Amino acid sequence: MSATELSFTELVFSDFERHRPSDRPPSWLQIIPRCLTLTGMVASIILRAQQCLYRAGHVRLAWMLRTVGIVLVGSDFVPGMTIGTGLVLPHPVGLVMGNGVRIGNNVMLGQGVTVGSREADLSAVEEALPTICDGATILANATVVGGVRVGEGARVGANSLVIADVPDYAIVVGVPARKIGEVERDQLAPVAVGLAAQQ
């Protein structure tokens, strides 16, 4: 089932399972107390509420939640994004995600990451906005702008500037970002879980 068909609760639970893997299914009784120590889950709840309101046509409410995100956790989520399941935001302060951005399943975004258009006055044209594929990790203060594609399982290093496509399973760093290696595909799941468990 696609993320666009999932309920608010199902989306939040998918994020919580990535933040805190467990043998038992997630519940609100587990999540609410964790919000006191996991700012990433607070950000996730705001983002998922905004995502569901926007898709249901409650655009004004979704925009109001943008302000709530800025005030509570310092994250600027512009309504209109498409985001898959299992999103991990371990340190959401300074995170900016623009309208029309497409993010796949099991993606991790670090502190201070910016994902959006190259031009501030550009309308949400599909070609001008990034696509982040399943399993990608974008580390602290990286910037991904324009109509670029960050490939499946790719890793973007801290403080990198991505202005060109990143191949699947590539590791890129620098300004502008350049490929320096490849991710071992059999190590993708443990790396994602390990990063989330460090929280």
N, C-alpha and C. Protein backbone atom coordinates (compact mmCIF):
# COMPACT_ATOMS: atom_id res chain seq x y z
N MET A 1 0.84 -1.17 0.00
CA MET A 1 0.00 0.00 0.00
C MET A 1 0.89 1.24 0.00
N SER A 2 0.54 2.22 -0.81
CA SER A 2 1.33 3.44 -0.91
C SER A 2 1.05 4.36 0.27
N ALA A 3 2.02 5.24 0.56
CA ALA A 3 1.90 6.17 1.69
C ALA A 3 0.71 7.10 1.51
N THR A 4 0.31 7.36 0.26
CA THR A 4 -0.82 8.25 0.02
C THR A 4 -2.15 7.60 0.40
N GLU A 5 -2.14 6.29 0.62
CA GLU A 5 -3.36 5.58 1.02
C GLU A 5 -3.40 5.28 2.50
N LEU A 6 -2.30 5.54 3.21
CA LEU A 6 -2.23 5.22 4.63
C LEU A 6 -2.82 6.34 5.48
N SER A 7 -3.35 5.96 6.63
CA SER A 7 -3.92 6.93 7.56
C SER A 7 -2.80 7.64 8.33
N PHE A 8 -3.18 8.69 9.02
CA PHE A 8 -2.26 9.43 9.88
C PHE A 8 -1.58 8.49 10.87
N THR A 9 -2.37 7.67 11.55
CA THR A 9 -1.83 6.74 12.55
C THR A 9 -0.85 5.76 11.92
N GLU A 10 -1.19 5.20 10.77
CA GLU A 10 -0.30 4.23 10.11
C GLU A 10 1.03 4.89 9.71
N LEU A 11 0.97 6.12 9.26
CA LEU A 11 2.20 6.82 8.88
C LEU A 11 3.08 7.10 10.10
N VAL A 12 2.46 7.60 11.19
CA VAL A 12 3.23 7.87 12.41
C VAL A 12 3.82 6.58 12.96
N PHE A 13 3.03 5.51 12.98
CA PHE A 13 3.54 4.23 13.48
C PHE A 13 4.71 3.73 12.64
N SER A 14 4.66 3.93 11.32
CA SER A 14 5.78 3.49 10.46
C SER A 14 7.06 4.26 10.80
N ASP A 15 6.91 5.55 11.13
CA ASP A 15 8.07 6.34 11.53
C ASP A 15 8.61 5.89 12.88
N PHE A 16 7.70 5.63 13.82
CA PHE A 16 8.11 5.20 15.15
C PHE A 16 8.85 3.86 15.09
N GLU A 17 8.39 2.96 14.24
CA GLU A 17 9.07 1.65 14.10
C GLU A 17 10.50 1.83 13.61
N ARG A 18 10.77 2.85 12.81
CA ARG A 18 12.14 3.13 12.37
C ARG A 18 12.95 3.80 13.47
N HIS A 19 12.32 4.68 14.24
CA HIS A 19 13.01 5.35 15.35
C HIS A 19 13.35 4.36 16.47
N ARG A 20 12.41 3.50 16.79
CA ARG A 20 12.56 2.56 17.90
C ARG A 20 12.08 1.17 17.48
N PRO A 21 12.94 0.42 16.77
CA PRO A 21 12.54 -0.93 16.35
C PRO A 21 12.19 -1.78 17.57
N SER A 22 11.13 -2.57 17.44
CA SER A 22 10.66 -3.40 18.55
C SER A 22 9.94 -4.62 18.00
N ASP A 23 9.85 -5.64 18.84
CA ASP A 23 9.12 -6.85 18.45
C ASP A 23 7.61 -6.65 18.54
N ARG A 24 7.17 -5.72 19.36
CA ARG A 24 5.74 -5.50 19.52
C ARG A 24 5.28 -4.35 18.63
N PRO A 25 4.02 -4.41 18.18
CA PRO A 25 3.51 -3.35 17.31
C PRO A 25 3.41 -2.02 18.07
N PRO A 26 3.64 -0.90 17.38
CA PRO A 26 3.58 0.39 18.05
C PRO A 26 2.16 0.76 18.47
N SER A 27 2.07 1.62 19.48
CA SER A 27 0.77 2.12 19.93
C SER A 27 0.96 3.57 20.36
N TRP A 28 -0.13 4.30 20.44
CA TRP A 28 -0.06 5.68 20.90
C TRP A 28 0.43 5.76 22.34
N LEU A 29 0.17 4.72 23.13
CA LEU A 29 0.64 4.71 24.52
C LEU A 29 2.17 4.62 24.60
N GLN A 30 2.80 4.08 23.57
CA GLN A 30 4.26 4.07 23.49
C GLN A 30 4.79 5.40 22.95
N ILE A 31 4.09 5.93 21.96
CA ILE A 31 4.59 7.10 21.23
C ILE A 31 4.50 8.38 22.05
N ILE A 32 3.36 8.63 22.68
CA ILE A 32 3.15 9.91 23.38
C ILE A 32 4.23 10.15 24.44
N PRO A 33 4.52 9.19 25.34
CA PRO A 33 5.60 9.46 26.31
C PRO A 33 6.96 9.67 25.66
N ARG A 34 7.21 8.98 24.54
CA ARG A 34 8.50 9.10 23.84
C ARG A 34 8.68 10.50 23.25
N CYS A 35 7.58 11.20 23.01
CA CYS A 35 7.68 12.55 22.45
C CYS A 35 8.40 13.51 23.40
N LEU A 36 8.44 13.15 24.69
CA LEU A 36 9.16 13.99 25.64
C LEU A 36 10.67 13.90 25.45
N THR A 37 11.14 12.81 24.85
CA THR A 37 12.58 12.63 24.66
C THR A 37 12.99 12.51 23.19
N LEU A 38 12.05 12.28 22.30
CA LEU A 38 12.35 12.14 20.88
C LEU A 38 11.74 13.29 20.09
N THR A 39 12.50 14.37 19.91
CA THR A 39 11.96 15.48 19.14
C THR A 39 11.67 15.08 17.70
N GLY A 40 12.37 14.07 17.22
CA GLY A 40 12.10 13.57 15.88
C GLY A 40 10.69 13.01 15.73
N MET A 41 10.17 12.42 16.80
CA MET A 41 8.79 11.92 16.75
C MET A 41 7.79 13.06 16.81
N VAL A 42 8.10 14.11 17.55
CA VAL A 42 7.22 15.29 17.55
C VAL A 42 7.16 15.86 16.14
N ALA A 43 8.33 16.00 15.51
CA ALA A 43 8.38 16.50 14.13
C ALA A 43 7.61 15.59 13.19
N SER A 44 7.75 14.28 13.38
CA SER A 44 7.05 13.32 12.54
C SER A 44 5.53 13.47 12.67
N ILE A 45 5.05 13.62 13.90
CA ILE A 45 3.60 13.77 14.11
C ILE A 45 3.09 15.04 13.43
N ILE A 46 3.83 16.13 13.56
CA ILE A 46 3.42 17.39 12.91
C ILE A 46 3.42 17.21 11.39
N LEU A 47 4.50 16.64 10.87
CA LEU A 47 4.64 16.45 9.42
C LEU A 47 3.55 15.54 8.87
N ARG A 48 3.27 14.43 9.57
CA ARG A 48 2.25 13.49 9.08
C ARG A 48 0.84 14.09 9.17
N ALA A 49 0.57 14.87 10.22
CA ALA A 49 -0.73 15.54 10.31
C ALA A 49 -0.87 16.53 9.16
N GLN A 50 0.19 17.26 8.90
CA GLN A 50 0.18 18.23 7.81
C GLN A 50 -0.02 17.53 6.46
N GLN A 51 0.68 16.42 6.26
CA GLN A 51 0.58 15.66 5.02
C GLN A 51 -0.85 15.16 4.80
N CYS A 52 -1.47 14.62 5.85
CA CYS A 52 -2.84 14.09 5.72
C CYS A 52 -3.87 15.19 5.53
N LEU A 53 -3.69 16.31 6.23
CA LEU A 53 -4.61 17.45 6.06
C LEU A 53 -4.52 18.00 4.63
N TYR A 54 -3.32 18.13 4.12
CA TYR A 54 -3.12 18.67 2.78
C TYR A 54 -3.77 17.77 1.73
N ARG A 55 -3.56 16.48 1.86
CA ARG A 55 -4.12 15.56 0.87
C ARG A 55 -5.64 15.48 0.96
N ALA A 56 -6.21 15.81 2.15
CA ALA A 56 -7.67 15.81 2.32
C ALA A 56 -8.29 17.14 1.90
N GLY A 57 -7.45 18.08 1.44
CA GLY A 57 -7.95 19.37 0.97
C GLY A 57 -8.03 20.45 2.03
N HIS A 58 -7.52 20.18 3.23
CA HIS A 58 -7.50 21.17 4.31
C HIS A 58 -6.18 21.94 4.28
N VAL A 59 -5.99 22.69 3.21
CA VAL A 59 -4.72 23.34 2.94
C VAL A 59 -4.38 24.40 4.00
N ARG A 60 -5.36 25.19 4.41
CA ARG A 60 -5.10 26.24 5.40
C ARG A 60 -4.61 25.64 6.73
N LEU A 61 -5.25 24.55 7.16
CA LEU A 61 -4.81 23.89 8.40
C LEU A 61 -3.39 23.34 8.26
N ALA A 62 -3.09 22.79 7.09
CA ALA A 62 -1.74 22.28 6.85
C ALA A 62 -0.72 23.40 6.95
N TRP A 63 -1.05 24.58 6.42
CA TRP A 63 -0.14 25.72 6.52
C TRP A 63 0.00 26.19 7.96
N MET A 64 -1.07 26.10 8.74
CA MET A 64 -0.98 26.48 10.16
C MET A 64 -0.03 25.55 10.90
N LEU A 65 -0.04 24.26 10.54
CA LEU A 65 0.88 23.31 11.17
C LEU A 65 2.33 23.60 10.81
N ARG A 66 2.55 24.27 9.70
CA ARG A 66 3.92 24.68 9.36
C ARG A 66 4.48 25.55 10.47
N THR A 67 3.67 26.50 10.94
CA THR A 67 4.11 27.38 12.02
C THR A 67 4.32 26.60 13.31
N VAL A 68 3.46 25.64 13.59
CA VAL A 68 3.60 24.80 14.79
C VAL A 68 4.94 24.06 14.75
N GLY A 69 5.30 23.53 13.60
CA GLY A 69 6.58 22.83 13.45
C GLY A 69 7.77 23.74 13.70
N ILE A 70 7.68 24.97 13.19
CA ILE A 70 8.77 25.93 13.39
C ILE A 70 8.91 26.26 14.87
N VAL A 71 7.80 26.50 15.55
CA VAL A 71 7.83 26.90 16.95
C VAL A 71 8.25 25.75 17.87
N LEU A 72 7.68 24.57 17.67
CA LEU A 72 7.94 23.45 18.59
C LEU A 72 9.30 22.78 18.39
N VAL A 73 9.68 22.53 17.15
CA VAL A 73 10.91 21.76 16.92
C VAL A 73 11.89 22.44 15.97
N GLY A 74 11.57 23.65 15.51
CA GLY A 74 12.50 24.36 14.64
C GLY A 74 12.61 23.79 13.25
N SER A 75 11.56 23.08 12.79
CA SER A 75 11.55 22.49 11.45
C SER A 75 10.54 23.22 10.59
N ASP A 76 10.90 23.49 9.33
CA ASP A 76 10.01 24.18 8.41
C ASP A 76 9.56 23.20 7.33
N PHE A 77 8.35 22.67 7.52
CA PHE A 77 7.77 21.72 6.56
C PHE A 77 6.73 22.49 5.73
N VAL A 78 7.04 22.75 4.47
CA VAL A 78 6.10 23.46 3.60
C VAL A 78 5.08 22.45 3.08
N PRO A 79 3.78 22.72 3.22
CA PRO A 79 2.76 21.76 2.79
C PRO A 79 2.87 21.41 1.31
N GLY A 80 2.51 20.18 0.98
CA GLY A 80 2.49 19.73 -0.40
C GLY A 80 3.55 18.70 -0.76
N MET A 81 4.25 18.18 0.24
CA MET A 81 5.27 17.16 -0.01
C MET A 81 4.62 15.78 -0.13
N THR A 82 5.30 14.87 -0.79
CA THR A 82 4.88 13.48 -0.83
C THR A 82 5.98 12.69 -0.12
N ILE A 83 5.62 12.03 0.98
CA ILE A 83 6.62 11.36 1.81
C ILE A 83 6.17 9.93 2.09
N GLY A 84 7.07 8.98 1.87
CA GLY A 84 6.77 7.57 2.10
C GLY A 84 6.81 7.21 3.58
N THR A 85 6.75 5.93 3.86
CA THR A 85 6.73 5.43 5.23
C THR A 85 8.14 5.36 5.81
N GLY A 86 8.21 5.26 7.15
CA GLY A 86 9.48 5.02 7.82
C GLY A 86 10.46 6.18 7.79
N LEU A 87 9.96 7.40 7.83
CA LEU A 87 10.83 8.57 7.83
C LEU A 87 11.50 8.73 9.20
N VAL A 88 12.81 8.96 9.20
CA VAL A 88 13.54 9.17 10.46
C VAL A 88 14.13 10.57 10.45
N LEU A 89 13.79 11.33 11.50
CA LEU A 89 14.31 12.68 11.70
C LEU A 89 14.96 12.72 13.08
N PRO A 90 16.18 12.20 13.24
CA PRO A 90 16.76 12.07 14.58
C PRO A 90 16.99 13.41 15.28
N HIS A 91 17.33 14.45 14.53
CA HIS A 91 17.55 15.79 15.09
C HIS A 91 16.90 16.79 14.15
N PRO A 92 15.61 17.09 14.33
CA PRO A 92 14.88 17.86 13.32
C PRO A 92 15.13 19.37 13.32
N VAL A 93 15.90 19.89 14.24
CA VAL A 93 16.11 21.33 14.30
C VAL A 93 16.79 21.82 13.02
N GLY A 94 16.23 22.87 12.43
CA GLY A 94 16.81 23.46 11.23
C GLY A 94 16.45 22.77 9.94
N LEU A 95 15.63 21.73 9.99
CA LEU A 95 15.24 20.99 8.80
C LEU A 95 14.25 21.81 7.98
N VAL A 96 14.48 21.93 6.67
CA VAL A 96 13.59 22.65 5.77
C VAL A 96 13.27 21.74 4.59
N MET A 97 11.96 21.52 4.36
CA MET A 97 11.52 20.69 3.23
C MET A 97 10.46 21.46 2.46
N GLY A 98 10.68 21.65 1.16
CA GLY A 98 9.82 22.48 0.33
C GLY A 98 8.61 21.78 -0.24
N ASN A 99 7.67 22.60 -0.67
CA ASN A 99 6.45 22.15 -1.32
C ASN A 99 6.78 21.38 -2.60
N GLY A 100 6.19 20.21 -2.77
CA GLY A 100 6.39 19.43 -3.98
C GLY A 100 7.55 18.45 -3.93
N VAL A 101 8.32 18.45 -2.86
CA VAL A 101 9.42 17.50 -2.71
C VAL A 101 8.85 16.09 -2.60
N ARG A 102 9.53 15.12 -3.20
CA ARG A 102 9.10 13.71 -3.14
C ARG A 102 10.16 12.91 -2.39
N ILE A 103 9.72 12.22 -1.33
CA ILE A 103 10.63 11.44 -0.49
C ILE A 103 10.09 10.03 -0.40
N GLY A 104 10.95 9.04 -0.62
CA GLY A 104 10.55 7.64 -0.61
C GLY A 104 10.42 7.06 0.78
N ASN A 105 10.42 5.74 0.86
CA ASN A 105 10.30 5.01 2.13
C ASN A 105 11.66 4.87 2.80
N ASN A 106 11.64 4.83 4.14
CA ASN A 106 12.84 4.54 4.95
C ASN A 106 13.99 5.50 4.68
N VAL A 107 13.67 6.78 4.63
CA VAL A 107 14.65 7.83 4.41
C VAL A 107 15.01 8.45 5.76
N MET A 108 16.28 8.84 5.93
CA MET A 108 16.69 9.57 7.12
C MET A 108 17.24 10.92 6.72
N LEU A 109 16.76 11.98 7.40
CA LEU A 109 17.23 13.34 7.17
C LEU A 109 17.81 13.87 8.47
N GLY A 110 19.05 14.34 8.43
CA GLY A 110 19.71 14.85 9.63
C GLY A 110 19.38 16.30 9.91
N GLN A 111 19.96 16.80 10.98
CA GLN A 111 19.74 18.18 11.43
C GLN A 111 20.18 19.18 10.37
N GLY A 112 19.37 20.23 10.19
CA GLY A 112 19.75 21.32 9.31
C GLY A 112 19.71 21.01 7.83
N VAL A 113 19.13 19.89 7.42
CA VAL A 113 19.05 19.54 6.01
C VAL A 113 18.02 20.44 5.32
N THR A 114 18.36 20.89 4.12
CA THR A 114 17.43 21.67 3.29
C THR A 114 17.18 20.90 2.01
N VAL A 115 15.91 20.69 1.69
CA VAL A 115 15.51 20.00 0.46
C VAL A 115 14.45 20.87 -0.21
N GLY A 116 14.76 21.41 -1.40
CA GLY A 116 13.80 22.28 -2.06
C GLY A 116 14.26 22.76 -3.41
N SER A 117 13.65 23.86 -3.86
CA SER A 117 13.96 24.41 -5.17
C SER A 117 15.22 25.27 -5.10
N ARG A 118 15.82 25.53 -6.26
CA ARG A 118 17.01 26.37 -6.32
C ARG A 118 16.66 27.84 -6.17
N GLU A 119 15.49 28.21 -6.62
CA GLU A 119 15.06 29.61 -6.61
C GLU A 119 13.92 29.80 -5.63
N ALA A 120 14.02 30.78 -4.75
CA ALA A 120 12.99 31.00 -3.74
C ALA A 120 11.66 31.40 -4.34
N ASP A 121 11.64 32.09 -5.48
CA ASP A 121 10.38 32.55 -6.05
C ASP A 121 9.82 31.59 -7.10
N LEU A 122 10.41 30.42 -7.22
CA LEU A 122 9.97 29.44 -8.20
C LEU A 122 8.75 28.71 -7.68
N SER A 123 7.73 28.56 -8.51
CA SER A 123 6.56 27.79 -8.10
C SER A 123 6.92 26.31 -8.07
N ALA A 124 6.07 25.51 -7.45
CA ALA A 124 6.36 24.08 -7.27
C ALA A 124 6.22 23.33 -8.60
N VAL A 125 7.21 23.47 -9.45
CA VAL A 125 7.24 22.76 -10.71
C VAL A 125 8.00 21.45 -10.47
N GLU A 126 7.43 20.34 -10.91
CA GLU A 126 8.02 19.02 -10.60
C GLU A 126 9.49 18.93 -10.98
N GLU A 127 9.86 19.49 -12.13
CA GLU A 127 11.25 19.36 -12.59
C GLU A 127 12.21 20.15 -11.71
N ALA A 128 11.69 21.09 -10.93
CA ALA A 128 12.55 21.97 -10.15
C ALA A 128 12.73 21.51 -8.71
N LEU A 129 12.16 20.37 -8.36
CA LEU A 129 12.20 19.92 -6.97
C LEU A 129 12.83 18.54 -6.85
N PRO A 130 13.53 18.30 -5.74
CA PRO A 130 14.24 17.02 -5.58
C PRO A 130 13.31 15.82 -5.35
N THR A 131 13.83 14.67 -5.72
CA THR A 131 13.23 13.38 -5.41
C THR A 131 14.28 12.61 -4.62
N ILE A 132 13.90 12.16 -3.43
CA ILE A 132 14.80 11.36 -2.59
C ILE A 132 14.23 9.95 -2.56
N CYS A 133 14.99 9.00 -3.08
CA CYS A 133 14.49 7.63 -3.24
C CYS A 133 14.58 6.82 -1.95
N ASP A 134 13.96 5.64 -1.97
CA ASP A 134 13.90 4.75 -0.82
C ASP A 134 15.28 4.48 -0.22
N GLY A 135 15.34 4.49 1.11
CA GLY A 135 16.55 4.10 1.82
C GLY A 135 17.68 5.10 1.82
N ALA A 136 17.47 6.30 1.28
CA ALA A 136 18.53 7.30 1.24
C ALA A 136 18.74 7.92 2.63
N THR A 137 19.97 8.37 2.87
CA THR A 137 20.32 9.07 4.11
C THR A 137 21.00 10.37 3.73
N ILE A 138 20.50 11.47 4.30
CA ILE A 138 21.09 12.78 4.06
C ILE A 138 21.50 13.32 5.42
N LEU A 139 22.81 13.51 5.61
CA LEU A 139 23.34 13.87 6.92
C LEU A 139 23.32 15.38 7.17
N ALA A 140 23.68 15.77 8.38
CA ALA A 140 23.52 17.12 8.91
C ALA A 140 23.97 18.22 7.96
N ASN A 141 23.11 19.23 7.86
CA ASN A 141 23.39 20.48 7.14
C ASN A 141 23.65 20.31 5.65
N ALA A 142 23.29 19.17 5.09
CA ALA A 142 23.39 19.00 3.64
C ALA A 142 22.25 19.76 2.97
N THR A 143 22.48 20.17 1.73
CA THR A 143 21.47 20.89 0.96
C THR A 143 21.26 20.16 -0.36
N VAL A 144 20.00 19.87 -0.67
CA VAL A 144 19.64 19.19 -1.91
C VAL A 144 18.65 20.10 -2.63
N VAL A 145 19.06 20.68 -3.75
CA VAL A 145 18.20 21.66 -4.43
C VAL A 145 18.07 21.38 -5.91
N GLY A 146 16.94 21.81 -6.45
CA GLY A 146 16.67 21.65 -7.88
C GLY A 146 16.05 20.30 -8.17
N GLY A 147 15.86 20.04 -9.45
CA GLY A 147 15.21 18.80 -9.88
C GLY A 147 16.14 17.61 -9.89
N VAL A 148 16.84 17.38 -8.80
CA VAL A 148 17.80 16.28 -8.71
C VAL A 148 17.14 15.04 -8.12
N ARG A 149 17.78 13.91 -8.35
CA ARG A 149 17.32 12.63 -7.80
C ARG A 149 18.44 12.09 -6.93
N VAL A 150 18.12 11.85 -5.64
CA VAL A 150 19.06 11.17 -4.75
C VAL A 150 18.65 9.70 -4.79
N GLY A 151 19.51 8.86 -5.32
CA GLY A 151 19.18 7.48 -5.62
C GLY A 151 18.87 6.59 -4.42
N GLU A 152 18.33 5.45 -4.73
CA GLU A 152 17.98 4.46 -3.71
C GLU A 152 19.22 4.07 -2.91
N GLY A 153 19.08 4.10 -1.57
CA GLY A 153 20.16 3.69 -0.69
C GLY A 153 21.36 4.62 -0.67
N ALA A 154 21.28 5.76 -1.32
CA ALA A 154 22.42 6.68 -1.40
C ALA A 154 22.67 7.36 -0.05
N ARG A 155 23.90 7.84 0.14
CA ARG A 155 24.29 8.56 1.35
C ARG A 155 24.88 9.90 0.94
N VAL A 156 24.34 10.98 1.52
CA VAL A 156 24.86 12.32 1.27
C VAL A 156 25.53 12.78 2.55
N GLY A 157 26.82 13.10 2.47
CA GLY A 157 27.60 13.49 3.64
C GLY A 157 27.20 14.83 4.21
N ALA A 158 27.56 15.05 5.46
CA ALA A 158 27.26 16.30 6.15
C ALA A 158 27.86 17.49 5.39
N ASN A 159 27.11 18.60 5.38
CA ASN A 159 27.52 19.86 4.77
C ASN A 159 27.72 19.80 3.26
N SER A 160 27.18 18.78 2.61
CA SER A 160 27.31 18.65 1.16
C SER A 160 26.24 19.48 0.44
N LEU A 161 26.52 19.84 -0.79
CA LEU A 161 25.58 20.56 -1.64
C LEU A 161 25.30 19.70 -2.86
N VAL A 162 24.08 19.18 -2.95
CA VAL A 162 23.70 18.31 -4.06
C VAL A 162 22.94 19.14 -5.09
N ILE A 163 23.56 19.29 -6.29
CA ILE A 163 22.92 20.03 -7.38
C ILE A 163 22.87 19.18 -8.66
N ALA A 164 23.25 17.90 -8.53
CA ALA A 164 23.19 16.95 -9.65
C ALA A 164 22.72 15.61 -9.10
N ASP A 165 22.22 14.76 -9.97
CA ASP A 165 21.71 13.45 -9.54
C ASP A 165 22.78 12.65 -8.80
N VAL A 166 22.33 11.91 -7.80
CA VAL A 166 23.19 11.00 -7.04
C VAL A 166 22.78 9.58 -7.42
N PRO A 167 23.69 8.76 -7.94
CA PRO A 167 23.33 7.39 -8.34
C PRO A 167 22.88 6.53 -7.16
N ASP A 168 22.15 5.47 -7.46
CA ASP A 168 21.73 4.52 -6.42
C ASP A 168 22.97 4.01 -5.68
N TYR A 169 22.86 3.93 -4.36
CA TYR A 169 23.88 3.37 -3.46
C TYR A 169 25.22 4.11 -3.48
N ALA A 170 25.22 5.33 -3.97
CA ALA A 170 26.46 6.12 -4.00
C ALA A 170 26.63 6.86 -2.68
N ILE A 171 27.88 7.11 -2.32
CA ILE A 171 28.22 7.98 -1.19
C ILE A 171 28.81 9.25 -1.79
N VAL A 172 28.19 10.40 -1.49
CA VAL A 172 28.66 11.66 -2.04
C VAL A 172 28.96 12.64 -0.91
N VAL A 173 29.97 13.48 -1.12
CA VAL A 173 30.33 14.53 -0.15
C VAL A 173 30.84 15.73 -0.92
N GLY A 174 30.88 16.88 -0.25
CA GLY A 174 31.52 18.06 -0.81
C GLY A 174 30.57 19.10 -1.36
N VAL A 175 31.19 20.20 -1.82
CA VAL A 175 30.46 21.32 -2.42
C VAL A 175 31.10 21.63 -3.76
N PRO A 176 30.50 21.27 -4.87
CA PRO A 176 29.31 20.44 -4.98
C PRO A 176 29.62 18.98 -4.66
N ALA A 177 28.58 18.22 -4.34
CA ALA A 177 28.76 16.82 -3.93
C ALA A 177 29.34 15.99 -5.07
N ARG A 178 30.34 15.16 -4.69
CA ARG A 178 30.99 14.24 -5.64
C ARG A 178 30.99 12.83 -5.05
N LYS A 179 30.90 11.85 -5.91
CA LYS A 179 30.89 10.46 -5.46
C LYS A 179 32.27 10.05 -4.96
N ILE A 180 32.28 9.46 -3.74
CA ILE A 180 33.55 8.98 -3.19
C ILE A 180 33.54 7.48 -2.91
N GLY A 181 32.38 6.85 -3.09
CA GLY A 181 32.30 5.42 -2.82
C GLY A 181 30.88 4.92 -3.02
N GLU A 182 30.68 3.67 -2.58
CA GLU A 182 29.36 3.05 -2.69
C GLU A 182 28.99 2.37 -1.38
N VAL A 183 27.71 2.34 -1.11
CA VAL A 183 27.18 1.68 0.08
C VAL A 183 27.07 0.20 -0.20
N GLU A 184 27.49 -0.62 0.78
CA GLU A 184 27.32 -2.06 0.67
C GLU A 184 25.83 -2.36 0.83
N ARG A 185 25.22 -2.92 -0.17
CA ARG A 185 23.77 -3.14 -0.15
C ARG A 185 23.30 -4.04 0.98
N ASP A 186 24.10 -5.01 1.37
CA ASP A 186 23.70 -5.91 2.44
C ASP A 186 23.78 -5.24 3.81
N GLN A 187 24.40 -4.06 3.88
CA GLN A 187 24.51 -3.34 5.15
C GLN A 187 23.51 -2.20 5.29
N LEU A 188 22.60 -2.03 4.32
CA LEU A 188 21.67 -0.91 4.37
C LEU A 188 20.77 -0.93 5.59
N ALA A 189 20.10 -2.05 5.85
CA ALA A 189 19.15 -2.10 6.97
C ALA A 189 19.85 -1.89 8.31
N PRO A 190 20.97 -2.58 8.60
CA PRO A 190 21.62 -2.35 9.89
C PRO A 190 22.10 -0.91 10.07
N VAL A 191 22.56 -0.27 9.01
CA VAL A 191 23.02 1.11 9.12
C VAL A 191 21.86 2.00 9.51
N ALA A 192 20.70 1.84 8.85
CA ALA A 192 19.54 2.69 9.14
C ALA A 192 19.07 2.47 10.57
N VAL A 193 19.01 1.23 10.99
CA VAL A 193 18.56 0.94 12.35
C VAL A 193 19.58 1.46 13.36
N GLY A 194 20.86 1.30 13.06
CA GLY A 194 21.90 1.78 13.95
C GLY A 194 21.86 3.28 14.13
N LEU A 195 21.62 4.02 13.06
CA LEU A 195 21.54 5.47 13.15
C LEU A 195 20.34 5.88 14.00
N ALA A 196 19.21 5.20 13.82
CA ALA A 196 18.02 5.55 14.58
C ALA A 196 18.21 5.17 16.05
N ALA A 197 18.91 4.09 16.32
CA ALA A 197 19.08 3.64 17.69
C ALA A 197 20.02 4.54 18.50
N GLN A 198 20.84 5.33 17.82
CA GLN A 198 21.75 6.23 18.51
C GLN A 198 21.02 7.36 19.20
N GLN A 199 19.78 7.61 18.81
CA GLN A 199 18.99 8.72 19.36
C GLN A 199 18.78 8.57 20.85
